Amino acid sequence: QVQLVESGGGLVQPGGSLRMSCAASGNIFSITVMGWYRQAPGKERELVAGISSVGSRSYSTYGDSVKGRFTISSDNAKNTAYLEMNSLKPEDTAVYYCNVAGVYDNGDSFASWGQGAQVTVSS
């Protein structure tokens, strides 16, 4: 099994910043991709950002609505990803879910979701 521990989130004023982290632990052989999705009330879950590493190179992708404002990074040695969110807007308000996919020690693949963290952008 994989355990995901999310931290960060909270209440921030428009234009402010927040940092979230997601740490994966368990019988992990390798991680393919780490990222965040978000879901606002009455809306579908959408991709926020994702990051994957191949050797020494990292590849990231972002949802259109957060490009230029959010930055995802990772510490592969710690199986941890970070999401730096700047210039936050009220429309960024949502529950943010960490998502990790990879391979167990036994060769089986996995995909796990974190418990979710509320981000509220309001004055």
PDB file of N, CA and C in Angstrom:
ATOM      1  N   GLN A   1       0.826  -1.199   0.000  1.00  0.00           N
ATOM      2  CA  GLN A   1       0.000   0.000   0.000  1.00  0.00           C
ATOM      3  C   GLN A   1       0.859   1.247   0.000  1.00  0.00           C
ATOM      4  N   VAL A   2       0.291   2.315  -0.549  1.00  0.00           N
ATOM      5  CA  VAL A   2       0.959   3.608  -0.570  1.00  0.00           C
ATOM      6  C   VAL A   2       0.189   4.559   0.329  1.00  0.00           C
ATOM      7  N   GLN A   3       0.908   5.271   1.148  1.00  0.00           N
ATOM      8  CA  GLN A   3       0.297   6.296   1.984  1.00  0.00           C
ATOM      9  C   GLN A   3       0.723   7.664   1.471  1.00  0.00           C
ATOM     10  N   LEU A   4      -0.223   8.553   1.342  1.00  0.00           N
ATOM     11  CA  LEU A   4       0.048   9.926   0.911  1.00  0.00           C
ATOM     12  C   LEU A   4      -0.303  10.872   2.050  1.00  0.00           C
ATOM     13  N   VAL A   5       0.629  11.735   2.368  1.00  0.00           N
ATOM     14  CA  VAL A   5       0.393  12.739   3.403  1.00  0.00           C
ATOM     15  C   VAL A   5       0.473  14.107   2.750  1.00  0.00           C
ATOM     16  N   GLU A   6      -0.644  14.792   2.749  1.00  0.00           N
ATOM     17  CA  GLU A   6      -0.717  16.131   2.184  1.00  0.00           C
ATOM     18  C   GLU A   6      -0.603  17.162   3.294  1.00  0.00           C
ATOM     19  N   SER A   7       0.017  18.272   2.977  1.00  0.00           N
ATOM     20  CA  SER A   7       0.061  19.389   3.907  1.00  0.00           C
ATOM     21  C   SER A   7      -0.031  20.677   3.109  1.00  0.00           C
ATOM     22  N   GLY A   8      -0.345  21.734   3.822  1.00  0.00           N
ATOM     23  CA  GLY A   8      -0.524  23.024   3.177  1.00  0.00           C
ATOM     24  C   GLY A   8      -1.997  23.312   2.988  1.00  0.00           C
ATOM     25  N   GLY A   9      -2.305  24.219   2.098  1.00  0.00           N
ATOM     26  CA  GLY A   9      -3.683  24.627   1.941  1.00  0.00           C
ATOM     27  C   GLY A   9      -4.042  25.650   3.004  1.00  0.00           C
ATOM     28  N   GLY A  10      -5.320  26.043   3.010  1.00  0.00           N
ATOM     29  CA  GLY A  10      -5.784  27.003   3.995  1.00  0.00           C
ATOM     30  C   GLY A  10      -6.496  28.176   3.369  1.00  0.00           C
ATOM     31  N   LEU A  11      -6.588  29.246   4.142  1.00  0.00           N
ATOM     32  CA  LEU A  11      -7.287  30.459   3.712  1.00  0.00           C
ATOM     33  C   LEU A  11      -6.272  31.546   3.374  1.00  0.00           C
ATOM     34  N   VAL A  12      -6.456  32.181   2.237  1.00  0.00           N
ATOM     35  CA  VAL A  12      -5.535  33.222   1.818  1.00  0.00           C
ATOM     36  C   VAL A  12      -6.315  34.295   1.075  1.00  0.00           C
ATOM     37  N   GLN A  13      -5.815  35.504   1.120  1.00  0.00           N
ATOM     38  CA  GLN A  13      -6.468  36.596   0.410  1.00  0.00           C
ATOM     39  C   GLN A  13      -6.105  36.565  -1.067  1.00  0.00           C
ATOM     40  N   PRO A  14      -6.949  37.126  -1.919  1.00  0.00           N
ATOM     41  CA  PRO A  14      -6.611  37.210  -3.347  1.00  0.00           C
ATOM     42  C   PRO A  14      -5.254  37.865  -3.552  1.00  0.00           C
ATOM     43  N   GLY A  15      -4.473  37.283  -4.453  1.00  0.00           N
ATOM     44  CA  GLY A  15      -3.127  37.776  -4.697  1.00  0.00           C
ATOM     45  C   GLY A  15      -2.079  37.141  -3.814  1.00  0.00           C
ATOM     46  N   GLY A  16      -2.515  36.368  -2.835  1.00  0.00           N
ATOM     47  CA  GLY A  16      -1.583  35.743  -1.909  1.00  0.00           C
ATOM     48  C   GLY A  16      -0.994  34.450  -2.444  1.00  0.00           C
ATOM     49  N   SER A  17      -0.224  33.784  -1.587  1.00  0.00           N
ATOM     50  CA  SER A  17       0.472  32.565  -1.974  1.00  0.00           C
ATOM     51  C   SER A  17       0.270  31.467  -0.939  1.00  0.00           C
ATOM     52  N   LEU A  18       0.341  30.246  -1.403  1.00  0.00           N
ATOM     53  CA  LEU A  18       0.301  29.073  -0.541  1.00  0.00           C
ATOM     54  C   LEU A  18       1.244  28.025  -1.106  1.00  0.00           C
ATOM     55  N   ARG A  19       1.706  27.155  -0.225  1.00  0.00           N
ATOM     56  CA  ARG A  19       2.562  26.043  -0.645  1.00  0.00           C
ATOM     57  C   ARG A  19       1.994  24.754  -0.094  1.00  0.00           C
ATOM     58  N   MET A  20       1.875  23.781  -0.974  1.00  0.00           N
ATOM     59  CA  MET A  20       1.385  22.472  -0.554  1.00  0.00           C
ATOM     60  C   MET A  20       2.461  21.429  -0.805  1.00  0.00           C
ATOM     61  N   SER A  21       2.398  20.359  -0.042  1.00  0.00           N
ATOM     62  CA  SER A  21       3.311  19.253  -0.262  1.00  0.00           C
ATOM     63  C   SER A  21       2.551  17.939  -0.198  1.00  0.00           C
ATOM     64  N   CYS A  22       3.125  16.937  -0.815  1.00  0.00           N
ATOM     65  CA  CYS A  22       2.523  15.600  -0.825  1.00  0.00           C
ATOM     66  C   CYS A  22       3.664  14.587  -0.737  1.00  0.00           C
ATOM     67  N   ALA A  23       3.689  13.832   0.344  1.00  0.00           N
ATOM     68  CA  ALA A  23       4.734  12.852   0.569  1.00  0.00           C
ATOM     69  C   ALA A  23       4.167  11.441   0.456  1.00  0.00           C
ATOM     70  N   ALA A  24       4.810  10.625  -0.347  1.00  0.00           N
ATOM     71  CA  ALA A  24       4.375   9.241  -0.550  1.00  0.00           C
ATOM     72  C   ALA A  24       5.309   8.292   0.182  1.00  0.00           C
ATOM     73  N   SER A  25       4.717   7.281   0.810  1.00  0.00           N
ATOM     74  CA  SER A  25       5.524   6.272   1.499  1.00  0.00           C
ATOM     75  C   SER A  25       4.864   4.908   1.321  1.00  0.00           C
ATOM     76  N   GLY A  26       5.658   3.862   1.577  1.00  0.00           N
ATOM     77  CA  GLY A  26       5.148   2.514   1.423  1.00  0.00           C
ATOM     78  C   GLY A  26       6.119   1.673   0.628  1.00  0.00           C
ATOM     79  N   ASN A  27       5.639   0.579   0.097  1.00  0.00           N
ATOM     80  CA  ASN A  27       6.486  -0.341  -0.654  1.00  0.00           C
ATOM     81  C   ASN A  27       6.651   0.137  -2.095  1.00  0.00           C
ATOM     82  N   ILE A  28       7.277   1.290  -2.231  1.00  0.00           N
ATOM     83  CA  ILE A  28       7.400   1.935  -3.536  1.00  0.00           C
ATOM     84  C   ILE A  28       8.732   1.604  -4.179  1.00  0.00           C
ATOM     85  N   PHE A  29       8.693   1.114  -5.402  1.00  0.00           N
ATOM     86  CA  PHE A  29       9.915   0.904  -6.167  1.00  0.00           C
ATOM     87  C   PHE A  29      10.273   2.166  -6.942  1.00  0.00           C
ATOM     88  N   SER A  30       9.274   2.724  -7.587  1.00  0.00           N
ATOM     89  CA  SER A  30       9.503   3.957  -8.332  1.00  0.00           C
ATOM     90  C   SER A  30       8.185   4.714  -8.478  1.00  0.00           C
ATOM     91  N   ILE A  31       8.308   6.012  -8.646  1.00  0.00           N
ATOM     92  CA  ILE A  31       7.142   6.856  -8.882  1.00  0.00           C
ATOM     93  C   ILE A  31       7.182   7.362 -10.319  1.00  0.00           C
ATOM     94  N   THR A  32       6.070   7.231 -11.008  1.00  0.00           N
ATOM     95  CA  THR A  32       5.988   7.658 -12.399  1.00  0.00           C
ATOM     96  C   THR A  32       5.610   9.120 -12.495  1.00  0.00           C
ATOM     97  N   VAL A  33       4.613   9.500 -11.742  1.00  0.00           N
ATOM     98  CA  VAL A  33       4.127  10.875 -11.801  1.00  0.00           C
ATOM     99  C   VAL A  33       3.492  11.256 -10.473  1.00  0.00           C
ATOM    100  N   MET A  34       3.676  12.503 -10.095  1.00  0.00           N
ATOM    101  CA  MET A  34       3.018  13.068  -8.920  1.00  0.00           C
ATOM    102  C   MET A  34       2.333  14.355  -9.362  1.00  0.00           C
ATOM    103  N   GLY A  35       1.215  14.646  -8.734  1.00  0.00           N
ATOM    104  CA  GLY A  35       0.541  15.871  -9.131  1.00  0.00           C
ATOM    105  C   GLY A  35      -0.646  16.184  -8.260  1.00  0.00           C
ATOM    106  N   TRP A  36      -1.319  17.240  -8.638  1.00  0.00           N
ATOM    107  CA  TRP A  36      -2.527  17.673  -7.943  1.00  0.00           C
ATOM    108  C   TRP A  36      -3.675  17.871  -8.922  1.00  0.00           C
ATOM    109  N   TYR A  37      -4.845  17.505  -8.443  1.00  0.00           N
ATOM    110  CA  TYR A  37      -6.097  17.843  -9.094  1.00  0.00           C
ATOM    111  C   TYR A  37      -6.898  18.667  -8.089  1.00  0.00           C
ATOM    112  N   ARG A  38      -7.881  19.362  -8.580  1.00  0.00           N
ATOM    113  CA  ARG A  38      -8.736  20.119  -7.671  1.00  0.00           C
ATOM    114  C   ARG A  38     -10.202  19.986  -8.103  1.00  0.00           C
ATOM    115  N   GLN A  39     -11.059  20.163  -7.122  1.00  0.00           N
ATOM    116  CA  GLN A  39     -12.487  20.091  -7.394  1.00  0.00           C
ATOM    117  C   GLN A  39     -13.203  21.155  -6.592  1.00  0.00           C
ATOM    118  N   ALA A  40     -13.876  22.037  -7.300  1.00  0.00           N
ATOM    119  CA  ALA A  40     -14.684  23.074  -6.679  1.00  0.00           C
ATOM    120  C   ALA A  40     -16.127  22.589  -6.600  1.00  0.00           C
ATOM    121  N   PRO A  41     -16.916  23.137  -5.697  1.00  0.00           N
ATOM    122  CA  PRO A  41     -18.320  22.714  -5.572  1.00  0.00           C
ATOM    123  C   PRO A  41     -19.059  22.834  -6.896  1.00  0.00           C
ATOM    124  N   GLY A  42     -19.734  21.753  -7.271  1.00  0.00           N
ATOM    125  CA  GLY A  42     -20.520  21.769  -8.492  1.00  0.00           C
ATOM    126  C   GLY A  42     -19.729  21.630  -9.772  1.00  0.00           C
ATOM    127  N   LYS A  43     -18.419  21.425  -9.652  1.00  0.00           N
ATOM    128  CA  LYS A  43     -17.576  21.304 -10.841  1.00  0.00           C
ATOM    129  C   LYS A  43     -16.864  19.961 -10.851  1.00  0.00           C
ATOM    130  N   GLU A  44     -16.396  19.594 -12.045  1.00  0.00           N
ATOM    131  CA  GLU A  44     -15.652  18.349 -12.170  1.00  0.00           C
ATOM    132  C   GLU A  44     -14.215  18.533 -11.659  1.00  0.00           C
ATOM    133  N   ARG A  45     -13.615  17.409 -11.290  1.00  0.00           N
ATOM    134  CA  ARG A  45     -12.221  17.454 -10.867  1.00  0.00           C
ATOM    135  C   ARG A  45     -11.358  17.777 -12.088  1.00  0.00           C
ATOM    136  N   GLU A  46     -10.380  18.667 -11.890  1.00  0.00           N
ATOM    137  CA  GLU A  46      -9.536  19.074 -12.998  1.00  0.00           C
ATOM    138  C   GLU A  46      -8.061  19.012 -12.609  1.00  0.00           C
ATOM    139  N   LEU A  47      -7.230  18.824 -13.615  1.00  0.00           N
ATOM    140  CA  LEU A  47      -5.790  18.796 -13.385  1.00  0.00           C
ATOM    141  C   LEU A  47      -5.296  20.182 -13.004  1.00  0.00           C
ATOM    142  N   VAL A  48      -4.471  20.231 -11.963  1.00  0.00           N
ATOM    143  CA  VAL A  48      -3.784  21.462 -11.599  1.00  0.00           C
ATOM    144  C   VAL A  48      -2.356  21.420 -12.143  1.00  0.00           C
ATOM    145  N   ALA A  49      -1.619  20.409 -11.746  1.00  0.00           N
ATOM    146  CA  ALA A  49      -0.228  20.285 -12.192  1.00  0.00           C
ATOM    147  C   ALA A  49       0.259  18.871 -11.962  1.00  0.00           C
ATOM    148  N   GLY A  50       1.197  18.439 -12.790  1.00  0.00           N
ATOM    149  CA  GLY A  50       1.794  17.123 -12.640  1.00  0.00           C
ATOM    150  C   GLY A  50       3.266  17.185 -12.974  1.00  0.00           C
ATOM    151  N   ILE A  51       4.042  16.261 -12.374  1.00  0.00           N
ATOM    152  CA  ILE A  51       5.467  16.233 -12.638  1.00  0.00           C
ATOM    153  C   ILE A  51       5.938  14.791 -12.704  1.00  0.00           C
ATOM    154  N   SER A  52       6.809  14.505 -13.661  1.00  0.00           N
ATOM    155  CA  SER A  52       7.400  13.179 -13.773  1.00  0.00           C
ATOM    156  C   SER A  52       8.888  13.339 -14.004  1.00  0.00           C
ATOM    157  N   SER A  53       9.642  12.355 -13.563  1.00  0.00           N
ATOM    158  CA  SER A  53      11.088  12.412 -13.701  1.00  0.00           C
ATOM    159  C   SER A  53      11.592  11.216 -14.487  1.00  0.00           C
ATOM    160  N   VAL A  54      12.482  11.499 -15.426  1.00  0.00           N
ATOM    161  CA  VAL A  54      13.134  10.450 -16.190  1.00  0.00           C
ATOM    162  C   VAL A  54      14.631  10.704 -16.068  1.00  0.00           C
ATOM    163  N   GLY A  55      15.276   9.846 -15.287  1.00  0.00           N
ATOM    164  CA  GLY A  55      16.682  10.099 -15.010  1.00  0.00           C
ATOM    165  C   GLY A  55      16.834  11.398 -14.248  1.00  0.00           C
ATOM    166  N   SER A  56      17.656  12.270 -14.750  1.00  0.00           N
ATOM    167  CA  SER A  56      17.893  13.549 -14.083  1.00  0.00           C
ATOM    168  C   SER A  56      16.969  14.655 -14.594  1.00  0.00           C
ATOM    169  N   ARG A  57      16.089  14.334 -15.531  1.00  0.00           N
ATOM    170  CA  ARG A  57      15.210  15.351 -16.106  1.00  0.00           C
ATOM    171  C   ARG A  57      13.815  15.247 -15.506  1.00  0.00           C
ATOM    172  N   SER A  58      13.184  16.399 -15.333  1.00  0.00           N
ATOM    173  CA  SER A  58      11.813  16.462 -14.849  1.00  0.00           C
ATOM    174  C   SER A  58      10.943  17.121 -15.904  1.00  0.00           C
ATOM    175  N   TYR A  59       9.737  16.613 -16.011  1.00  0.00           N
ATOM    176  CA  TYR A  59       8.776  17.145 -16.967  1.00  0.00           C
ATOM    177  C   TYR A  59       7.522  17.519 -16.198  1.00  0.00           C
ATOM    178  N   SER A  60       7.033  18.714 -16.416  1.00  0.00           N
ATOM    179  CA  SER A  60       5.857  19.168 -15.699  1.00  0.00           C
ATOM    180  C   SER A  60       4.774  19.615 -16.681  1.00  0.00           C
ATOM    181  N   THR A  61       3.556  19.543 -16.212  1.00  0.00           N
ATOM    182  CA  THR A  61       2.412  19.997 -16.998  1.00  0.00           C
ATOM    183  C   THR A  61       1.470  20.734 -16.077  1.00  0.00           C
ATOM    184  N   TYR A  62       0.727  21.691 -16.624  1.00  0.00           N
ATOM    185  CA  TYR A  62      -0.158  22.529 -15.835  1.00  0.00           C
ATOM    186  C   TYR A  62      -1.507  22.687 -16.520  1.00  0.00           C
ATOM    187  N   GLY A  63      -2.531  22.843 -15.696  1.00  0.00           N
ATOM    188  CA  GLY A  63      -3.820  23.226 -16.229  1.00  0.00           C
ATOM    189  C   GLY A  63      -3.746  24.648 -16.765  1.00  0.00           C
ATOM    190  N   ASP A  64      -4.521  24.943 -17.782  1.00  0.00           N
ATOM    191  CA  ASP A  64      -4.457  26.256 -18.422  1.00  0.00           C
ATOM    192  C   ASP A  64      -4.724  27.395 -17.443  1.00  0.00           C
ATOM    193  N   SER A  65      -5.586  27.172 -16.492  1.00  0.00           N
ATOM    194  CA  SER A  65      -5.989  28.253 -15.593  1.00  0.00           C
ATOM    195  C   SER A  65      -4.918  28.605 -14.561  1.00  0.00           C
ATOM    196  N   VAL A  66      -3.911  27.766 -14.409  1.00  0.00           N
ATOM    197  CA  VAL A  66      -2.880  28.039 -13.390  1.00  0.00           C
ATOM    198  C   VAL A  66      -1.505  28.293 -13.989  1.00  0.00           C
ATOM    199  N   LYS A  67      -1.389  28.160 -15.300  1.00  0.00           N
ATOM    200  CA  LYS A  67      -0.089  28.372 -15.943  1.00  0.00           C
ATOM    201  C   LYS A  67       0.441  29.772 -15.641  1.00  0.00           C
ATOM    202  N   GLY A  68       1.714  29.827 -15.278  1.00  0.00           N
ATOM    203  CA  GLY A  68       2.336  31.106 -14.970  1.00  0.00           C
ATOM    204  C   GLY A  68       2.158  31.544 -13.536  1.00  0.00           C
ATOM    205  N   ARG A  69       1.291  30.878 -12.789  1.00  0.00           N
ATOM    206  CA  ARG A  69       1.056  31.249 -11.387  1.00  0.00           C
ATOM    207  C   ARG A  69       1.471  30.141 -10.423  1.00  0.00           C
ATOM    208  N   PHE A  70       1.308  28.907 -10.836  1.00  0.00           N
ATOM    209  CA  PHE A  70       1.636  27.760  -9.986  1.00  0.00           C
ATOM    210  C   PHE A  70       2.905  27.087 -10.500  1.00  0.00           C
ATOM    211  N   THR A  71       3.671  26.534  -9.568  1.00  0.00           N
ATOM    212  CA  THR A  71       4.882  25.801  -9.929  1.00  0.00           C
ATOM    213  C   THR A  71       4.935  24.501  -9.141  1.00  0.00           C
ATOM    214  N   ILE A  72       5.131  23.411  -9.854  1.00  0.00           N
ATOM    215  CA  ILE A  72       5.268  22.110  -9.202  1.00  0.00           C
ATOM    216  C   ILE A  72       6.724  21.685  -9.246  1.00  0.00           C
ATOM    217  N   SER A  73       7.164  21.062  -8.160  1.00  0.00           N
ATOM    218  CA  SER A  73       8.524  20.539  -8.090  1.00  0.00           C
ATOM    219  C   SER A  73       8.490  19.249  -7.293  1.00  0.00           C
ATOM    220  N   SER A  74       9.601  18.550  -7.289  1.00  0.00           N
ATOM    221  CA  SER A  74       9.632  17.292  -6.548  1.00  0.00           C
ATOM    222  C   SER A  74      11.016  17.023  -5.993  1.00  0.00           C
ATOM    223  N   ASP A  75      11.033  16.256  -4.925  1.00  0.00           N
ATOM    224  CA  ASP A  75      12.265  15.742  -4.326  1.00  0.00           C
ATOM    225  C   ASP A  75      12.154  14.223  -4.430  1.00  0.00           C
ATOM    226  N   ASN A  76      12.797  13.672  -5.440  1.00  0.00           N
ATOM    227  CA  ASN A  76      12.624  12.237  -5.713  1.00  0.00           C
ATOM    228  C   ASN A  76      13.164  11.369  -4.585  1.00  0.00           C
ATOM    229  N   ALA A  77      14.206  11.820  -3.924  1.00  0.00           N
ATOM    230  CA  ALA A  77      14.773  11.048  -2.825  1.00  0.00           C
ATOM    231  C   ALA A  77      13.792  10.913  -1.670  1.00  0.00           C
ATOM    232  N   LYS A  78      12.904  11.878  -1.550  1.00  0.00           N
ATOM    233  CA  LYS A  78      11.913  11.876  -0.466  1.00  0.00           C
ATOM    234  C   LYS A  78      10.524  11.473  -0.944  1.00  0.00           C
ATOM    235  N   ASN A  79      10.409  11.139  -2.233  1.00  0.00           N
ATOM    236  CA  ASN A  79       9.083  10.825  -2.810  1.00  0.00           C
ATOM    237  C   ASN A  79       8.067  11.903  -2.450  1.00  0.00           C
ATOM    238  N   THR A  80       8.472  13.132  -2.590  1.00  0.00           N
ATOM    239  CA  THR A  80       7.632  14.262  -2.194  1.00  0.00           C
ATOM    240  C   THR A  80       7.523  15.269  -3.330  1.00  0.00           C
ATOM    241  N   ALA A  81       6.322  15.776  -3.522  1.00  0.00           N
ATOM    242  CA  ALA A  81       6.089  16.828  -4.499  1.00  0.00           C
ATOM    243  C   ALA A  81       5.615  18.076  -3.775  1.00  0.00           C
ATOM    244  N   TYR A  82       5.881  19.213  -4.399  1.00  0.00           N
ATOM    245  CA  TYR A  82       5.518  20.505  -3.823  1.00  0.00           C
ATOM    246  C   TYR A  82       4.761  21.311  -4.881  1.00  0.00           C
ATOM    247  N   LEU A  83       3.781  22.061  -4.419  1.00  0.00           N
ATOM    248  CA  LEU A  83       3.030  22.926  -5.311  1.00  0.00           C
ATOM    249  C   LEU A  83       3.058  24.332  -4.731  1.00  0.00           C
ATOM    250  N   GLU A  84       3.743  25.217  -5.427  1.00  0.00           N
ATOM    251  CA  GLU A  84       3.818  26.613  -5.034  1.00  0.00           C
ATOM    252  C   GLU A  84       2.735  27.355  -5.805  1.00  0.00           C
ATOM    253  N   MET A  85       1.821  27.992  -5.077  1.00  0.00           N
ATOM    254  CA  MET A  85       0.703  28.685  -5.703  1.00  0.00           C
ATOM    255  C   MET A  85       0.805  30.179  -5.422  1.00  0.00           C
ATOM    256  N   ASN A  86       0.973  30.960  -6.453  1.00  0.00           N
ATOM    257  CA  ASN A  86       1.097  32.411  -6.335  1.00  0.00           C
ATOM    258  C   ASN A  86      -0.044  33.111  -7.056  1.00  0.00           C
ATOM    259  N   SER A  87      -0.199  34.380  -6.743  1.00  0.00           N
ATOM    260  CA  SER A  87      -1.240  35.205  -7.380  1.00  0.00           C
ATOM    261  C   SER A  87      -2.592  34.495  -7.345  1.00  0.00           C
ATOM    262  N   LEU A  88      -2.927  34.002  -6.181  1.00  0.00           N
ATOM    263  CA  LEU A  88      -4.151  33.216  -6.053  1.00  0.00           C
ATOM    264  C   LEU A  88      -5.389  34.065  -6.295  1.00  0.00           C
ATOM    265  N   LYS A  89      -6.379  33.436  -6.899  1.00  0.00           N
ATOM    266  CA  LYS A  89      -7.628  34.092  -7.246  1.00  0.00           C
ATOM    267  C   LYS A  89      -8.791  33.376  -6.551  1.00  0.00           C
ATOM    268  N   PRO A  90      -9.900  34.060  -6.353  1.00  0.00           N
ATOM    269  CA  PRO A  90     -11.055  33.378  -5.743  1.00  0.00           C
ATOM    270  C   PRO A  90     -11.463  32.119  -6.504  1.00  0.00           C
ATOM    271  N   GLU A  91     -11.278  32.105  -7.806  1.00  0.00           N
ATOM    272  CA  GLU A  91     -11.653  30.914  -8.582  1.00  0.00           C
ATOM    273  C   GLU A  91     -10.695  29.736  -8.378  1.00  0.00           C
ATOM    274  N   ASP A  92      -9.625  29.946  -7.637  1.00  0.00           N
ATOM    275  CA  ASP A  92      -8.752  28.838  -7.269  1.00  0.00           C
ATOM    276  C   ASP A  92      -9.278  28.077  -6.056  1.00  0.00           C
ATOM    277  N   THR A  93     -10.325  28.591  -5.450  1.00  0.00           N
ATOM    278  CA  THR A  93     -10.907  27.934  -4.288  1.00  0.00           C
ATOM    279  C   THR A  93     -11.439  26.562  -4.670  1.00  0.00           C
ATOM    280  N   ALA A  94     -10.963  25.555  -3.957  1.00  0.00           N
ATOM    281  CA  ALA A  94     -11.342  24.174  -4.256  1.00  0.00           C
ATOM    282  C   ALA A  94     -10.684  23.253  -3.228  1.00  0.00           C
ATOM    283  N   VAL A  95     -11.055  21.992  -3.279  1.00  0.00           N
ATOM    284  CA  VAL A  95     -10.313  20.961  -2.548  1.00  0.00           C
ATOM    285  C   VAL A  95      -9.246  20.429  -3.499  1.00  0.00           C
ATOM    286  N   TYR A  96      -8.018  20.435  -3.042  1.00  0.00           N
ATOM    287  CA  TYR A  96      -6.888  20.006  -3.847  1.00  0.00           C
ATOM    288  C   TYR A  96      -6.487  18.593  -3.423  1.00  0.00           C
ATOM    289  N   TYR A  97      -6.408  17.710  -4.402  1.00  0.00           N
ATOM    290  CA  TYR A  97      -6.086  16.309  -4.151  1.00  0.00           C
ATOM    291  C   TYR A  97      -4.740  15.950  -4.775  1.00  0.00           C
ATOM    292  N   CYS A  98      -3.880  15.374  -3.967  1.00  0.00           N
ATOM    293  CA  CYS A  98      -2.618  14.849  -4.488  1.00  0.00           C
ATOM    294  C   CYS A  98      -2.888  13.509  -5.157  1.00  0.00           C
ATOM    295  N   ASN A  99      -2.184  13.266  -6.242  1.00  0.00           N
ATOM    296  CA  ASN A  99      -2.318  11.996  -6.957  1.00  0.00           C
ATOM    297  C   ASN A  99      -0.929  11.487  -7.306  1.00  0.00           C
ATOM    298  N   VAL A 100      -0.672  10.228  -6.996  1.00  0.00           N
ATOM    299  CA  VAL A 100       0.637   9.637  -7.261  1.00  0.00           C
ATOM    300  C   VAL A 100       0.457   8.307  -7.980  1.00  0.00           C
ATOM    301  N   ALA A 101       1.243   8.076  -9.006  1.00  0.00           N
ATOM    302  CA  ALA A 101       1.237   6.800  -9.722  1.00  0.00           C
ATOM    303  C   ALA A 101       2.660   6.276  -9.793  1.00  0.00           C
ATOM    304  N   GLY A 102       2.780   4.969  -9.703  1.00  0.00           N
ATOM    305  CA  GLY A 102       4.112   4.388  -9.747  1.00  0.00           C
ATOM    306  C   GLY A 102       4.077   2.884  -9.754  1.00  0.00           C
ATOM    307  N   VAL A 103       5.145   2.278  -9.241  1.00  0.00           N
ATOM    308  CA  VAL A 103       5.305   0.827  -9.234  1.00  0.00           C
ATOM    309  C   VAL A 103       5.709   0.373  -7.833  1.00  0.00           C
ATOM    310  N   TYR A 104       5.042  -0.660  -7.355  1.00  0.00           N
ATOM    311  CA  TYR A 104       5.401  -1.259  -6.070  1.00  0.00           C
ATOM    312  C   TYR A 104       6.700  -2.072  -6.194  1.00  0.00           C
ATOM    313  N   ASP A 105       7.245  -2.464  -5.055  1.00  0.00           N
ATOM    314  CA  ASP A 105       8.428  -3.334  -5.031  1.00  0.00           C
ATOM    315  C   ASP A 105       8.188  -4.640  -5.772  1.00  0.00           C
ATOM    316  N   ASN A 106       6.943  -5.134  -5.749  1.00  0.00           N
ATOM    317  CA  ASN A 106       6.652  -6.424  -6.378  1.00  0.00           C
ATOM    318  C   ASN A 106       6.379  -6.297  -7.877  1.00  0.00           C
ATOM    319  N   GLY A 107       6.485  -5.085  -8.409  1.00  0.00           N
ATOM    320  CA  GLY A 107       6.282  -4.878  -9.833  1.00  0.00           C
ATOM    321  C   GLY A 107       4.894  -4.429 -10.225  1.00  0.00           C
ATOM    322  N   ASP A 108       3.941  -4.505  -9.300  1.00  0.00           N
ATOM    323  CA  ASP A 108       2.589  -4.047  -9.603  1.00  0.00           C
ATOM    324  C   ASP A 108       2.563  -2.524  -9.667  1.00  0.00           C
ATOM    325  N   SER A 109       1.706  -2.015 -10.514  1.00  0.00           N
ATOM    326  CA  SER A 109       1.553  -0.567 -10.602  1.00  0.00           C
ATOM    327  C   SER A 109       0.495  -0.084  -9.618  1.00  0.00           C
ATOM    328  N   PHE A 110       0.544   1.171  -9.275  1.00  0.00           N
ATOM    329  CA  PHE A 110      -0.446   1.747  -8.369  1.00  0.00           C
ATOM    330  C   PHE A 110      -0.757   3.177  -8.754  1.00  0.00           C
ATOM    331  N   ALA A 111      -1.900   3.637  -8.305  1.00  0.00           N
ATOM    332  CA  ALA A 111      -2.292   5.038  -8.433  1.00  0.00           C
ATOM    333  C   ALA A 111      -3.104   5.369  -7.188  1.00  0.00           C
ATOM    334  N   SER A 112      -2.674   6.361  -6.449  1.00  0.00           N
ATOM    335  CA  SER A 112      -3.308   6.672  -5.172  1.00  0.00           C
ATOM    336  C   SER A 112      -3.674   8.142  -5.084  1.00  0.00           C
ATOM    337  N   TRP A 113      -4.711   8.406  -4.303  1.00  0.00           N
ATOM    338  CA  TRP A 113      -5.166   9.774  -4.062  1.00  0.00           C
ATOM    339  C   TRP A 113      -4.945  10.146  -2.611  1.00  0.00           C
ATOM    340  N   GLY A 114      -4.579  11.392  -2.380  1.00  0.00           N
ATOM    341  CA  GLY A 114      -4.501  11.913  -1.029  1.00  0.00           C
ATOM    342  C   GLY A 114      -5.889  12.238  -0.499  1.00  0.00           C
ATOM    343  N   GLN A 115      -5.933  12.640   0.768  1.00  0.00           N
ATOM    344  CA  GLN A 115      -7.215  12.880   1.424  1.00  0.00           C
ATOM    345  C   GLN A 115      -7.841  14.204   1.002  1.00  0.00           C
ATOM    346  N   GLY A 116      -7.068  15.064   0.391  1.00  0.00           N
ATOM    347  CA  GLY A 116      -7.589  16.350  -0.057  1.00  0.00           C
ATOM    348  C   GLY A 116      -7.320  17.446   0.959  1.00  0.00           C
ATOM    349  N   ALA A 117      -7.087  18.645   0.468  1.00  0.00           N
ATOM    350  CA  ALA A 117      -6.841  19.803   1.328  1.00  0.00           C
ATOM    351  C   ALA A 117      -7.605  20.998   0.763  1.00  0.00           C
ATOM    352  N   GLN A 118      -8.292  21.685   1.636  1.00  0.00           N
ATOM    353  CA  GLN A 118      -9.101  22.832   1.201  1.00  0.00           C
ATOM    354  C   GLN A 118      -8.212  24.049   0.997  1.00  0.00           C
ATOM    355  N   VAL A 119      -8.400  24.700  -0.127  1.00  0.00           N
ATOM    356  CA  VAL A 119      -7.786  25.997  -0.403  1.00  0.00           C
ATOM    357  C   VAL A 119      -8.919  26.988  -0.634  1.00  0.00           C
ATOM    358  N   THR A 120      -8.933  28.033   0.162  1.00  0.00           N
ATOM    359  CA  THR A 120      -9.965  29.066   0.035  1.00  0.00           C
ATOM    360  C   THR A 120      -9.294  30.405  -0.192  1.00  0.00           C
ATOM    361  N   VAL A 121      -9.669  31.055  -1.276  1.00  0.00           N
ATOM    362  CA  VAL A 121      -9.108  32.362  -1.609  1.00  0.00           C
ATOM    363  C   VAL A 121     -10.241  33.386  -1.472  1.00  0.00           C
ATOM    364  N   SER A 122     -10.133  34.197  -0.448  1.00  0.00           N
ATOM    365  CA  SER A 122     -11.222  35.137  -0.162  1.00  0.00           C
ATOM    366  C   SER A 122     -10.692  36.298   0.657  1.00  0.00           C
ATOM    367  N   SER A 123     -11.287  37.448   0.453  1.00  0.00           N
ATOM    368  CA  SER A 123     -10.927  38.609   1.252  1.00  0.00           C
ATOM    369  C   SER A 123     -11.857  38.731   2.449  1.00  0.00           C
TER     370      SER A 123
END
